[in-house]
Protein backbone atom coordinates (compact mmCIF):
# COMPACT_ATOMS: atom_id res chain seq x y z
CA MET A 1 -6.97 -22.92 23.28
CA THR A 2 -10.68 -23.79 23.12
CA VAL A 3 -12.47 -24.61 19.92
CA THR A 4 -14.43 -21.37 20.18
CA SER A 5 -11.35 -19.19 20.57
CA ALA A 6 -9.63 -20.99 17.71
CA ASN A 7 -12.65 -20.36 15.48
CA ASP A 8 -12.71 -16.71 16.53
CA ALA A 9 -9.03 -16.34 15.67
CA ALA A 10 -9.55 -17.96 12.27
CA GLN A 11 -12.54 -15.73 11.62
CA SER A 12 -10.46 -12.68 12.58
CA ARG A 13 -7.71 -13.67 10.16
CA ARG A 14 -10.26 -14.14 7.38
CA SER A 15 -11.86 -10.79 8.10
CA GLU A 16 -8.62 -8.80 7.81
CA PRO A 17 -8.44 -8.99 4.00
CA ARG A 18 -12.15 -8.14 3.79
CA LEU A 19 -11.57 -5.11 6.02
CA ALA A 20 -8.79 -3.94 3.70
CA GLU A 21 -11.09 -4.41 0.73
CA ARG A 22 -13.78 -2.32 2.40
CA LEU A 23 -11.26 0.42 3.05
CA GLU A 24 -10.34 0.37 -0.64
CA ARG A 25 -13.93 0.29 -1.86
CA VAL A 26 -14.65 3.73 -3.23
CA ASP A 27 -17.84 5.74 -3.42
CA HIS A 28 -16.72 7.91 -6.31
CA GLU A 29 -19.88 10.02 -6.26
CA ALA A 30 -19.45 10.87 -2.57
CA GLU A 31 -15.78 11.61 -3.10
CA ALA A 32 -16.60 13.90 -6.03
CA ARG A 33 -18.94 15.92 -3.80
CA ALA A 34 -16.20 16.53 -1.23
CA VAL A 35 -13.99 19.61 -1.30
CA TRP A 36 -11.21 18.90 -3.83
CA TRP A 37 -8.36 19.08 -1.35
CA ARG A 38 -10.10 16.61 0.98
CA ARG A 39 -10.52 13.94 -1.68
CA PHE A 40 -8.36 10.87 -1.20
CA GLY A 41 -7.58 10.90 -4.90
CA PHE A 42 -5.92 14.28 -4.44
CA TRP A 43 -4.26 14.34 -1.04
CA PHE A 44 -2.90 10.79 -1.05
CA PRO A 45 -0.68 11.00 -4.17
CA VAL A 46 0.34 14.54 -3.30
CA ALA A 47 1.22 13.56 0.28
CA VAL A 48 3.20 10.47 -0.73
CA TYR A 49 5.12 12.40 -3.36
CA ALA A 50 5.79 15.26 -0.90
CA ILE A 51 7.16 12.82 1.69
CA SER A 52 9.45 11.24 -0.90
CA ARG A 53 10.65 14.69 -2.05
CA ILE A 54 11.40 15.77 1.52
CA TYR A 55 13.43 12.60 1.91
CA VAL A 56 15.32 13.35 -1.32
CA LEU A 57 15.91 16.93 -0.14
CA ILE A 58 17.43 15.77 3.16
CA ALA A 59 19.50 13.06 1.47
CA GLY A 60 20.63 15.47 -1.26
CA ILE A 61 21.73 18.15 1.23
CA LEU A 62 23.80 15.64 3.16
CA LEU A 63 25.26 13.81 0.17
CA ALA A 64 26.10 16.98 -1.77
CA LYS A 65 28.68 17.72 0.90
CA GLY A 66 30.73 14.87 -0.53
CA GLN A 67 30.69 16.10 -4.14
CA ILE A 68 34.10 16.91 -5.57
CA ALA A 69 35.03 20.15 -7.31
CA LEU A 70 34.21 20.09 -11.04
CA PRO A 71 36.41 22.49 -13.04
CA ILE A 72 36.26 22.96 -16.78
CA GLY A 73 38.64 20.72 -18.72
CA LEU A 74 38.11 17.37 -17.01
CA GLU A 75 38.77 14.42 -19.30
CA ARG A 76 36.00 12.05 -18.21
CA ILE A 77 33.10 14.51 -18.06
CA ARG A 78 32.09 17.67 -19.94
CA ILE A 79 31.72 20.59 -17.56
CA SER A 80 30.23 23.81 -18.97
CA TYR A 81 29.70 25.46 -15.59
CA PRO A 82 32.40 24.73 -12.97
CA LEU A 83 31.29 23.83 -9.48
CA PRO A 84 33.22 23.92 -6.20
CA ALA A 85 33.35 21.00 -3.82
CA ASP A 86 30.22 20.76 -1.64
CA PRO A 87 28.17 22.90 -4.10
CA GLY A 88 24.89 22.53 -2.22
CA TYR A 89 21.70 20.61 -2.94
CA LEU A 90 20.37 22.63 -5.89
CA ALA A 91 23.68 22.68 -7.75
CA ALA A 92 24.14 18.93 -7.25
CA MET A 93 20.68 18.42 -8.74
CA THR A 94 21.91 19.99 -11.98
CA ASN A 95 24.75 17.51 -12.51
CA TRP A 96 25.33 15.50 -15.68
CA ASP A 97 22.59 16.15 -18.25
CA GLY A 98 21.45 19.07 -16.12
CA GLN A 99 24.47 21.05 -17.33
CA TRP A 100 23.43 20.48 -20.95
CA TYR A 101 19.91 21.63 -20.16
CA ARG A 102 21.39 24.73 -18.55
CA VAL A 103 23.33 25.50 -21.75
CA ILE A 104 20.08 25.28 -23.73
CA ALA A 105 18.11 27.36 -21.19
CA GLU A 106 20.72 30.14 -21.13
CA GLU A 107 22.19 30.06 -24.64
CA GLY A 108 19.81 28.07 -26.83
CA TYR A 109 20.88 25.59 -29.51
CA PRO A 110 23.92 26.24 -31.74
CA ARG A 111 23.34 26.93 -35.42
CA VAL A 112 26.70 25.42 -36.32
CA LEU A 113 27.53 21.95 -35.07
CA PRO A 114 30.89 21.64 -33.29
CA ARG A 115 33.41 19.30 -34.91
CA VAL A 116 36.26 17.26 -33.49
CA GLY A 117 39.67 16.61 -35.03
CA HIS A 118 38.63 13.71 -37.27
CA GLY A 119 35.72 15.73 -38.67
CA GLY A 120 32.94 14.05 -36.74
CA ILE A 121 30.32 15.99 -34.82
CA ASP A 122 31.22 16.65 -31.18
CA MET A 123 28.90 16.47 -28.17
CA ASN A 124 26.43 19.34 -28.32
CA PRO A 125 23.01 20.46 -26.98
CA TRP A 126 21.07 19.08 -29.97
CA ALA A 127 21.16 15.65 -28.32
CA PHE A 128 18.67 16.96 -25.73
CA PHE A 129 14.99 17.60 -26.42
CA PRO A 130 13.72 21.17 -26.05
CA VAL A 131 10.48 21.29 -24.02
CA PHE A 132 12.02 21.13 -20.53
CA PRO A 133 15.08 23.39 -21.00
CA LEU A 134 13.23 26.02 -23.05
CA THR A 135 10.46 26.13 -20.44
CA VAL A 136 13.09 26.58 -17.75
CA GLY A 137 14.71 29.33 -19.83
CA ALA A 138 11.38 31.15 -20.20
CA ILE A 139 10.77 31.02 -16.43
CA MET A 140 14.30 32.26 -15.81
CA THR A 141 13.67 35.23 -18.10
CA VAL A 142 10.40 36.13 -16.36
CA THR A 143 11.56 35.62 -12.76
CA GLY A 144 15.27 36.40 -12.98
CA LEU A 145 16.04 33.23 -11.03
CA PRO A 146 19.10 31.12 -11.97
CA PHE A 147 18.94 27.70 -13.59
CA VAL A 148 20.13 25.91 -10.45
CA VAL A 149 16.89 27.07 -8.79
CA VAL A 150 14.37 26.88 -11.64
CA GLY A 151 15.50 23.55 -13.12
CA PRO A 152 15.22 21.32 -10.02
CA VAL A 153 12.21 23.18 -8.61
CA LEU A 154 10.26 22.98 -11.87
CA SER A 155 11.01 19.27 -12.21
CA THR A 156 9.85 18.69 -8.63
CA LEU A 157 6.62 20.64 -9.09
CA VAL A 158 5.77 18.90 -12.36
CA GLY A 159 6.16 15.64 -10.46
CA PHE A 160 3.24 16.59 -8.21
CA ALA A 161 0.96 16.87 -11.24
CA ALA A 162 2.35 13.62 -12.66
CA MET A 163 1.61 11.69 -9.44
CA PHE A 164 -1.88 13.14 -9.17
CA LEU A 165 -2.74 12.10 -12.72
CA LEU A 166 -1.04 8.72 -12.28
CA PHE A 167 -3.25 7.99 -9.28
CA LYS A 168 -6.32 9.19 -11.19
CA LEU A 169 -5.52 7.01 -14.22
CA ILE A 170 -4.94 3.81 -12.23
CA ASP A 171 -7.85 4.48 -9.87
CA GLN A 172 -10.28 4.89 -12.77
CA ALA A 173 -8.95 2.11 -14.97
CA VAL A 174 -8.00 -0.59 -12.44
CA GLY A 175 -8.85 0.22 -8.82
CA ARG A 176 -7.98 2.08 -5.63
CA TRP A 177 -5.51 -0.51 -4.25
CA GLU A 178 -3.61 -0.57 -7.54
CA ALA A 179 -3.50 3.23 -7.61
CA ILE A 180 -2.08 3.29 -4.08
CA VAL A 181 0.65 0.81 -4.98
CA ALA A 182 1.48 2.59 -8.25
CA VAL A 183 2.05 5.95 -6.57
CA VAL A 184 3.96 4.56 -3.58
CA ALA A 185 6.20 2.29 -5.67
CA THR A 186 6.92 5.02 -8.21
CA CYS A 187 7.71 7.68 -5.60
CA PHE A 188 10.09 5.32 -3.79
CA TYR A 189 11.65 3.70 -6.84
CA ILE A 190 15.46 3.58 -6.77
CA ALA A 191 15.91 6.28 -9.45
CA SER A 192 13.01 8.49 -8.33
CA PRO A 193 15.39 11.17 -6.93
CA VAL A 194 15.67 12.25 -10.57
CA PHE A 195 12.16 13.71 -10.23
CA SER A 196 13.85 16.39 -8.10
CA ALA A 197 16.74 16.97 -10.51
CA ALA A 198 17.01 19.09 -13.66
CA TYR A 199 15.96 16.15 -15.83
CA THR A 200 12.94 15.37 -18.01
CA GLU A 201 11.50 12.37 -16.14
CA SER A 202 8.78 14.37 -14.38
CA ALA A 203 7.62 16.03 -17.59
CA ALA A 204 7.75 12.79 -19.56
CA LEU A 205 5.73 10.88 -16.95
CA LEU A 206 3.16 13.68 -16.81
CA LEU A 207 2.73 13.65 -20.59
CA VAL A 208 2.53 9.86 -20.87
CA VAL A 209 -0.12 9.60 -18.16
CA ALA A 210 -2.07 12.58 -19.58
CA ILE A 211 -2.11 10.99 -23.04
CA LEU A 212 -3.40 7.69 -21.64
CA LEU A 213 -6.12 9.53 -19.72
CA LEU A 214 -7.17 11.50 -22.80
CA LEU A 215 -7.18 8.35 -24.91
CA ARG A 216 -9.46 6.67 -22.37
CA ALA A 217 -11.72 9.75 -22.48
CA ARG A 218 -11.64 9.65 -26.31
CA ARG A 219 -10.29 13.19 -26.61
CA TYR A 220 -8.36 12.32 -29.72
CA TRP A 221 -7.49 15.85 -30.87
CA TRP A 222 -5.90 16.56 -27.49
CA VAL A 223 -4.04 13.26 -27.75
CA ALA A 224 -2.63 14.42 -31.10
CA VAL A 225 -1.48 17.71 -29.57
CA LEU A 226 0.19 16.12 -26.53
CA LEU A 227 1.92 13.59 -28.75
CA VAL A 228 3.75 16.53 -30.33
CA VAL A 229 4.79 17.82 -26.90
CA LEU A 230 5.94 14.33 -25.88
CA ALA A 231 7.93 14.00 -29.11
CA LEU A 232 9.80 17.18 -28.14
CA THR A 233 10.31 16.09 -24.51
CA ARG A 234 11.62 12.53 -24.72
CA ASN A 235 12.26 10.18 -27.60
CA VAL A 236 9.52 7.72 -26.56
CA VAL A 237 6.57 8.73 -28.72
CA ILE A 238 6.97 5.67 -30.95
CA ALA A 239 5.86 3.51 -28.01
CA MET A 240 2.45 5.19 -28.22
CA VAL A 241 1.72 3.50 -31.56
CA PRO A 242 0.85 0.09 -30.02
CA VAL A 243 -1.17 1.88 -27.33
CA ILE A 244 -3.37 3.58 -29.91
CA ILE A 245 -3.75 0.32 -31.85
CA ALA A 246 -4.78 -1.55 -28.67
CA HIS A 247 -7.34 1.15 -27.87
CA ALA A 248 -8.80 0.95 -31.38
CA VAL A 249 -8.91 -2.86 -31.49
CA VAL A 250 -10.71 -3.13 -28.15
CA ARG A 251 -13.31 -0.56 -29.18
CA TRP A 252 -13.81 -2.47 -32.44
CA ARG A 253 -14.20 -5.85 -30.71
CA GLN A 254 -16.66 -4.37 -28.22
CA GLY A 255 -18.73 -2.77 -30.99
CA ASP A 256 -18.03 0.61 -29.43
CA GLU A 257 -16.86 2.57 -32.46
CA GLY A 258 -19.56 5.21 -32.26
CA PRO A 259 -22.10 6.26 -34.89
CA HIS A 260 -19.44 6.48 -37.63
CA PRO A 261 -17.30 3.32 -37.33
CA VAL A 262 -15.50 3.77 -40.66
CA ARG A 263 -14.52 7.32 -39.75
CA PHE A 264 -13.36 6.09 -36.35
CA ARG A 265 -11.14 3.40 -37.87
CA TRP A 266 -9.50 5.77 -40.29
CA GLY A 267 -9.06 8.27 -37.46
CA MET A 268 -7.24 5.65 -35.38
CA VAL A 269 -5.03 4.74 -38.33
CA ALA A 270 -4.19 8.42 -38.74
CA LEU A 271 -3.50 8.89 -35.02
CA ALA A 272 -1.20 5.85 -34.86
CA ALA A 273 0.61 7.01 -38.01
CA TRP A 274 0.90 10.49 -36.46
CA ALA A 275 2.61 9.04 -33.38
CA GLY A 276 5.00 7.10 -35.62
CA VAL A 277 5.86 10.08 -37.82
CA LEU A 278 6.49 12.28 -34.77
CA THR A 279 9.50 10.11 -33.96
CA LEU A 280 11.22 11.93 -36.81
CA LEU A 281 10.13 15.42 -35.69
CA TRP A 282 13.14 16.36 -33.57
CA PRO A 283 15.77 14.78 -35.87
CA THR A 284 14.19 16.69 -38.77
CA ILE A 285 14.26 19.98 -36.84
CA VAL A 286 17.92 19.43 -35.96
CA SER A 287 18.86 18.79 -39.59
CA VAL A 288 16.89 21.78 -40.91
CA VAL A 289 18.20 24.30 -38.36
CA THR A 290 21.84 23.18 -38.60
CA GLN A 291 21.61 22.51 -42.35
CA THR A 292 23.33 19.19 -41.73
CA PRO A 293 21.81 15.91 -42.97
CA ASP A 294 21.42 13.27 -40.28
CA ALA A 295 22.67 15.77 -37.69
CA TYR A 296 20.80 14.21 -34.75
CA ASN A 297 22.12 10.69 -35.32
CA GLN A 298 25.64 12.00 -35.81
CA THR A 299 25.32 14.01 -32.60
CA MET A 300 24.25 10.88 -30.70
CA LEU A 301 27.32 9.07 -32.03
CA ALA A 302 29.45 11.56 -30.08
CA TRP A 303 28.13 9.75 -26.97
CA ASN A 304 28.71 6.38 -28.68
CA ILE A 305 24.93 6.02 -28.91
CA GLN A 306 23.64 4.52 -32.14
CA THR A 307 20.00 4.89 -33.15
CA LYS A 308 19.38 1.28 -34.12
CA VAL A 309 18.06 -1.92 -32.55
CA LYS A 310 20.18 -2.81 -29.50
CA LEU A 311 18.61 -6.04 -28.24
CA TYR A 312 21.93 -7.83 -28.69
CA MET A 313 23.49 -5.48 -26.11
CA TRP A 314 21.10 -6.72 -23.42
CA TRP A 315 21.82 -10.32 -24.42
CA ASN A 316 25.56 -9.68 -24.12
CA LEU A 317 25.09 -7.85 -20.81
CA LEU A 318 23.33 -10.86 -19.28
CA TYR A 319 26.21 -13.09 -20.37
CA THR A 320 28.81 -10.66 -19.02
CA TYR A 321 27.19 -10.56 -15.58
CA TRP A 322 25.91 -14.12 -15.13
CA GLY A 323 26.95 -16.17 -18.17
CA VAL A 324 24.58 -18.65 -19.79
CA VAL A 325 22.54 -18.84 -16.57
CA GLY A 326 21.86 -15.13 -16.83
CA GLN A 327 20.72 -15.44 -20.43
CA GLY A 328 18.44 -18.31 -19.45
CA LEU A 329 16.94 -16.27 -16.62
CA GLY A 330 16.46 -13.40 -19.06
CA ILE A 331 14.47 -15.66 -21.38
CA LEU A 332 12.38 -16.91 -18.46
CA ALA A 333 11.69 -13.33 -17.31
CA VAL A 334 10.48 -12.32 -20.78
CA ALA A 335 8.36 -15.48 -21.02
CA ALA A 336 6.80 -14.85 -17.59
CA PHE A 337 6.04 -11.25 -18.47
CA THR A 338 4.52 -12.32 -21.80
CA TRP A 339 2.33 -14.87 -20.00
CA PHE A 340 1.13 -12.24 -17.55
CA MET A 341 0.39 -9.74 -20.33
CA LEU A 342 -1.67 -12.35 -22.19
CA SER A 343 -3.62 -13.36 -19.08
CA LYS A 344 -6.82 -11.92 -17.65
CA HIS A 345 -4.80 -10.37 -14.81
CA SER A 346 -3.52 -7.63 -17.13
CA TRP A 347 -6.58 -7.29 -19.37
CA ARG A 348 -8.49 -5.58 -16.59
CA TRP A 349 -6.03 -2.67 -16.81
CA GLY A 350 -7.74 -1.51 -19.98
CA PRO A 351 -6.18 -1.31 -23.46
CA GLU A 352 -4.38 1.99 -22.85
CA ILE A 353 -2.40 0.95 -19.77
CA TRP A 354 -2.03 -2.59 -21.16
CA GLY A 355 -0.63 -1.22 -24.42
CA TRP A 356 1.90 0.99 -22.65
CA ALA A 357 2.84 -1.86 -20.29
CA GLY A 358 3.90 -3.94 -23.28
CA ALA A 359 5.17 -1.26 -25.65
CA TYR A 360 7.46 0.72 -23.38
CA PRO A 361 9.49 -2.21 -21.93
CA GLY A 362 9.80 -3.47 -25.50
CA TYR A 363 11.05 -0.04 -26.51
CA ILE A 364 13.68 -0.12 -23.73
CA LEU A 365 14.95 -3.54 -24.80
CA LEU A 366 15.01 -2.77 -28.52
CA VAL A 367 16.12 0.87 -28.64
CA THR A 368 18.02 1.92 -25.51
CA SER A 369 21.60 1.05 -24.66
CA THR A 370 22.71 -0.97 -21.63
CA THR A 371 24.01 2.12 -19.83
CA PRO A 372 23.35 3.05 -16.20
CA SER A 373 20.55 5.31 -17.51
CA ARG A 374 18.40 2.23 -18.10
CA VAL A 375 17.48 2.29 -14.40
CA ARG A 376 16.19 5.84 -14.82
CA TYR A 377 14.34 5.00 -18.03
CA ALA A 378 12.31 2.40 -16.14
CA LEU A 379 10.50 5.17 -14.25
CA LEU A 380 8.10 5.48 -17.19
CA ALA A 381 7.30 1.76 -16.97
CA PHE A 382 4.83 2.44 -14.15
CA PRO A 383 2.45 -0.42 -15.16
CA MET A 384 5.05 -2.78 -13.68
CA THR A 385 3.83 -1.58 -10.28
CA LEU A 386 0.44 -3.13 -11.09
CA ILE A 387 2.11 -6.54 -11.15
CA ILE A 388 3.26 -5.85 -7.58
CA ALA A 389 -0.30 -4.86 -6.65
CA TRP A 390 -1.68 -8.05 -8.18
CA PHE A 391 0.91 -10.19 -6.40
CA LEU A 392 0.16 -8.62 -3.01
CA LYS A 393 -3.56 -9.33 -3.45
CA LEU A 394 -2.97 -13.07 -3.80
CA ARG A 395 -4.53 -14.95 -0.89
CA TRP A 396 -1.11 -15.94 0.50
CA TRP A 397 -0.08 -12.31 0.99
CA SER A 398 -3.35 -10.38 1.10
CA ARG A 399 -3.56 -9.97 4.88
CA TRP A 400 0.00 -8.66 4.97
CA ARG A 401 -0.12 -6.44 1.90
CA TYR A 402 0.04 -3.10 3.69
CA TRP A 403 2.96 -4.29 5.79
CA ILE A 404 4.75 -5.49 2.65
CA LEU A 405 4.00 -2.16 0.95
CA GLY A 406 5.58 -0.42 3.93
CA ALA A 407 8.64 -2.64 3.55
CA ILE A 408 8.82 -1.66 -0.12
CA VAL A 409 8.95 1.98 0.98
CA ILE A 410 11.81 1.30 3.41
CA VAL A 411 13.82 -0.74 0.91
CA GLY A 412 13.11 1.87 -1.77
CA ALA A 413 14.30 4.69 0.47
CA ILE A 414 17.58 2.84 1.10
CA GLN A 415 18.05 2.29 -2.63
CA MET A 416 17.22 5.94 -3.40
CA TRP A 417 19.95 7.08 -0.99
CA TRP A 418 22.43 4.70 -2.64
CA TRP A 419 21.47 5.79 -6.17
CA LEU A 420 21.67 9.47 -5.27
CA GLU A 421 25.07 9.02 -3.62
CA ASN A 422 26.62 6.87 -6.35
CA TYR A 423 25.02 8.20 -9.52
CA LEU A 424 23.67 11.77 -9.36
CA VAL A 425 26.16 13.22 -6.85
CA ILE A 426 29.69 13.15 -8.30
CA LYS A 427 32.08 11.85 -5.65
CA ASN A 428 34.84 10.66 -7.99
CA LEU A 429 35.56 10.20 -11.68
CA ALA A 430 37.02 6.71 -11.40
CA ASP A 431 33.77 4.95 -12.31
CA ASP A 432 31.51 5.38 -15.33
CA LEU A 433 28.47 5.85 -13.10
CA TYR A 434 25.98 8.44 -14.21
CA PRO A 435 22.18 8.72 -13.91
């Protein structure tokens, strides 16, 4: 090879990352003038999500053929609505918690809590938050459609809105490349088939992203309203407290508190306190309606779930799987994440995304149990995808980043198939595997 050709090849390699950067450079004003459905910020997240949902539909149709019959009276699982073997895609998408949501949608919540032989409270619908099932029930009443249609379809449709807003949030706050990675990685995450099931993940993600967008836009009254809706959708509203504090602190440090800084500070204190108090909203409603003190916590005990700090469970889990080496790796992982969160790499996300990126994983470690559901809970930890985006922009990988992102899609699709087959679809009752 001649010196000239070698230089040309080197120049070509150097130009590839710059070409990718030019493709990701956005003229937001020009895009805003385009017809809404032709804007990249609309069609890209919608298209990626649609492709992932078509894949889940095909996989679900095929895998549902292997589901066993589920009659009432099984020992290892509560069945309120019996299903035959090979019940079809939509019915399979209402497995597990979906049956509880169906009870709420069709019958509502019981006024009297069911008791078991020793006097404790038995499993009952009050363990499940009301926004999703009551919305499904209202649509069923209006349309006459059954739960097995409305539940999965509504969850899937809400996911479209969630992905659109997720792309918008990341695109505005961080950048176009990061928004692309966030949507792709979330749509093809191992537990993302749950977006198509009668579960609350789609609604919860939509609400979390909407609150972060509204907080960035300083629409604080709307934030207060959506915090109530979130508190009645999933028990994660407490994680919004650090987000609000981070938003307030950054505005204070930047001298951007508006014409009435004292009023702003007290308003932020009130908003953070509001998010904290809303954690008690659903437990209070349960106790008042059933006239039973501590009814929610007692109901959760029926699933052996205790509402207290559970960090020790994760510590024990690491030791059970990998011994002392696993615990050491766990400490290193937390230390590495802490370093990243305290570095300039994460500060550019903005205080809202940065606050959620730290608060929600902390919430998972401190509050949730080490059940298989922890994989599903991680869907709301979408800022973790920004670490992937940052890593792929490092100079060692930058020229290959789109190829690596494509590989992430392929690996994710394989994992989604496995998760759907082994967790959501019920093929046997020998294992304690549930979504």
